[in-house]
Amino acid sequence: MTIEKGYTDSNQSFDWWDRYRHDLLSDGRTQQKLEIILKMCIIGTTFVCGTAVICMFLLALRKLFNYLSDSKTVVVQCYP
């Protein structure tokens, strides 16, 4: 109901959102939940980025190893 009321008047600067946000943040439990969600997002992002960095490092090592092993290949022909 309050959302619809906030949208009906175009001159109103979303007072319903400020009230909703204040109600959320004034409750201690909700703030704890938001902090836990934020920490989980940070941990998840760190894990994903760390995995990507490790994969890129391993791919670079593999390319370097392949380059070095190909460059040291010596073809020796033996004649009878």
C-alpha atoms as a PDB file:
ATOM      1  CA  MET A   1       0.000   0.000   0.000  1.00  0.00           C
ATOM      2  CA  THR A   2       2.722   2.463   0.920  1.00  0.00           C
ATOM      3  CA  ILE A   3       4.654   1.653  -2.236  1.00  0.00           C
ATOM      4  CA  GLU A   4       1.664   2.465  -4.403  1.00  0.00           C
ATOM      5  CA  LYS A   5       1.087   5.654  -2.422  1.00  0.00           C
ATOM      6  CA  GLY A   6       4.710   6.662  -2.975  1.00  0.00           C
ATOM      7  CA  TYR A   7       4.392   6.196  -6.720  1.00  0.00           C
ATOM      8  CA  THR A   8       1.102   8.082  -7.149  1.00  0.00           C
ATOM      9  CA  ASP A   9       2.546  11.493  -6.298  1.00  0.00           C
ATOM     10  CA  SER A  10       5.436  12.363  -8.588  1.00  0.00           C
ATOM     11  CA  ASN A  11       6.542  15.279  -6.370  1.00  0.00           C
ATOM     12  CA  GLN A  12       7.014  12.975  -3.391  1.00  0.00           C
ATOM     13  CA  SER A  13      10.663  11.962  -2.974  1.00  0.00           C
ATOM     14  CA  PHE A  14      10.135   8.304  -2.020  1.00  0.00           C
ATOM     15  CA  ASP A  15       9.389   8.860   1.671  1.00  0.00           C
ATOM     16  CA  TRP A  16       8.154   5.284   1.889  1.00  0.00           C
ATOM     17  CA  TRP A  17      11.630   4.013   0.995  1.00  0.00           C
ATOM     18  CA  ASP A  18      13.269   6.100   3.719  1.00  0.00           C
ATOM     19  CA  ARG A  19      10.763   4.804   6.277  1.00  0.00           C
ATOM     20  CA  TYR A  20      11.263   1.213   5.107  1.00  0.00           C
ATOM     21  CA  ARG A  21      15.043   1.538   5.267  1.00  0.00           C
ATOM     22  CA  HIS A  22      14.892   3.098   8.721  1.00  0.00           C
ATOM     23  CA  ASP A  23      12.646   0.282   9.952  1.00  0.00           C
ATOM     24  CA  LEU A  24      15.073  -2.298   8.568  1.00  0.00           C
ATOM     25  CA  LEU A  25      18.181  -0.709  10.033  1.00  0.00           C
ATOM     26  CA  SER A  26      16.671   0.143  13.417  1.00  0.00           C
ATOM     27  CA  ASP A  27      16.029  -3.552  14.076  1.00  0.00           C
ATOM     28  CA  GLY A  28      19.241  -5.062  15.419  1.00  0.00           C
ATOM     29  CA  ARG A  29      18.579  -8.536  14.065  1.00  0.00           C
ATOM     30  CA  THR A  30      17.977  -7.316  10.542  1.00  0.00           C
ATOM     31  CA  GLN A  31      21.196  -5.323  10.641  1.00  0.00           C
ATOM     32  CA  GLN A  32      23.056  -8.448  11.768  1.00  0.00           C
ATOM     33  CA  LYS A  33      21.502 -10.398   8.902  1.00  0.00           C
ATOM     34  CA  LEU A  34      22.549  -7.723   6.409  1.00  0.00           C
ATOM     35  CA  GLU A  35      26.100  -7.763   7.790  1.00  0.00           C
ATOM     36  CA  ILE A  36      26.225 -11.562   7.515  1.00  0.00           C
ATOM     37  CA  ILE A  37      24.961 -11.402   3.921  1.00  0.00           C
ATOM     38  CA  LEU A  38      27.580  -8.749   3.107  1.00  0.00           C
ATOM     39  CA  LYS A  39      30.353 -10.869   4.652  1.00  0.00           C
ATOM     40  CA  MET A  40      29.167 -13.925   2.732  1.00  0.00           C
ATOM     41  CA  CYS A  41      29.199 -11.925  -0.515  1.00  0.00           C
ATOM     42  CA  ILE A  42      32.735 -10.714   0.200  1.00  0.00           C
ATOM     43  CA  ILE A  43      33.915 -14.254   1.016  1.00  0.00           C
ATOM     44  CA  GLY A  44      32.224 -15.656  -2.106  1.00  0.00           C
ATOM     45  CA  THR A  45      33.703 -12.968  -4.336  1.00  0.00           C
ATOM     46  CA  THR A  46      37.157 -13.548  -2.847  1.00  0.00           C
ATOM     47  CA  PHE A  47      36.844 -17.296  -3.410  1.00  0.00           C
ATOM     48  CA  VAL A  48      35.737 -16.875  -7.042  1.00  0.00           C
ATOM     49  CA  CYS A  49      38.449 -14.316  -7.833  1.00  0.00           C
ATOM     50  CA  GLY A  50      41.090 -16.398  -6.057  1.00  0.00           C
ATOM     51  CA  THR A  51      40.082 -19.475  -8.023  1.00  0.00           C
ATOM     52  CA  ALA A  52      40.260 -17.501 -11.273  1.00  0.00           C
ATOM     53  CA  VAL A  53      43.734 -16.173 -10.419  1.00  0.00           C
ATOM     54  CA  ILE A  54      44.994 -19.671  -9.560  1.00  0.00           C
ATOM     55  CA  CYS A  55      43.567 -21.094 -12.808  1.00  0.00           C
ATOM     56  CA  MET A  56      45.151 -18.338 -14.894  1.00  0.00           C
ATOM     57  CA  PHE A  57      48.487 -18.904 -13.135  1.00  0.00           C
ATOM     58  CA  LEU A  58      48.352 -22.644 -13.805  1.00  0.00           C
ATOM     59  CA  LEU A  59      47.444 -22.055 -17.461  1.00  0.00           C
ATOM     60  CA  ALA A  60      50.360 -19.641 -17.817  1.00  0.00           C
ATOM     61  CA  LEU A  61      52.698 -22.206 -16.241  1.00  0.00           C
ATOM     62  CA  ARG A  62      51.455 -24.876 -18.635  1.00  0.00           C
ATOM     63  CA  LYS A  63      52.019 -22.614 -21.646  1.00  0.00           C
ATOM     64  CA  LEU A  64      55.489 -21.735 -20.387  1.00  0.00           C
ATOM     65  CA  PHE A  65      56.327 -25.399 -19.812  1.00  0.00           C
ATOM     66  CA  ASN A  66      55.072 -26.326 -23.292  1.00  0.00           C
ATOM     67  CA  TYR A  67      57.094 -23.496 -24.837  1.00  0.00           C
ATOM     68  CA  LEU A  68      60.272 -24.551 -23.035  1.00  0.00           C
ATOM     69  CA  SER A  69      59.816 -28.234 -23.786  1.00  0.00           C
ATOM     70  CA  ASP A  70      59.184 -27.524 -27.492  1.00  0.00           C
ATOM     71  CA  SER A  71      62.179 -25.222 -27.823  1.00  0.00           C
ATOM     72  CA  LYS A  72      64.588 -27.788 -26.386  1.00  0.00           C
ATOM     73  CA  THR A  73      63.551 -30.511 -28.769  1.00  0.00           C
ATOM     74  CA  VAL A  74      66.569 -31.596 -30.782  1.00  0.00           C
ATOM     75  CA  VAL A  75      66.085 -33.799 -33.789  1.00  0.00           C
ATOM     76  CA  VAL A  76      68.944 -36.222 -34.228  1.00  0.00           C
ATOM     77  CA  GLN A  77      69.068 -38.284 -37.377  1.00  0.00           C
ATOM     78  CA  CYS A  78      71.115 -41.419 -37.283  1.00  0.00           C
ATOM     79  CA  TYR A  79      72.437 -42.768 -40.573  1.00  0.00           C
ATOM     80  CA  PRO A  80      73.248 -46.463 -40.850  1.00  0.00           C
END
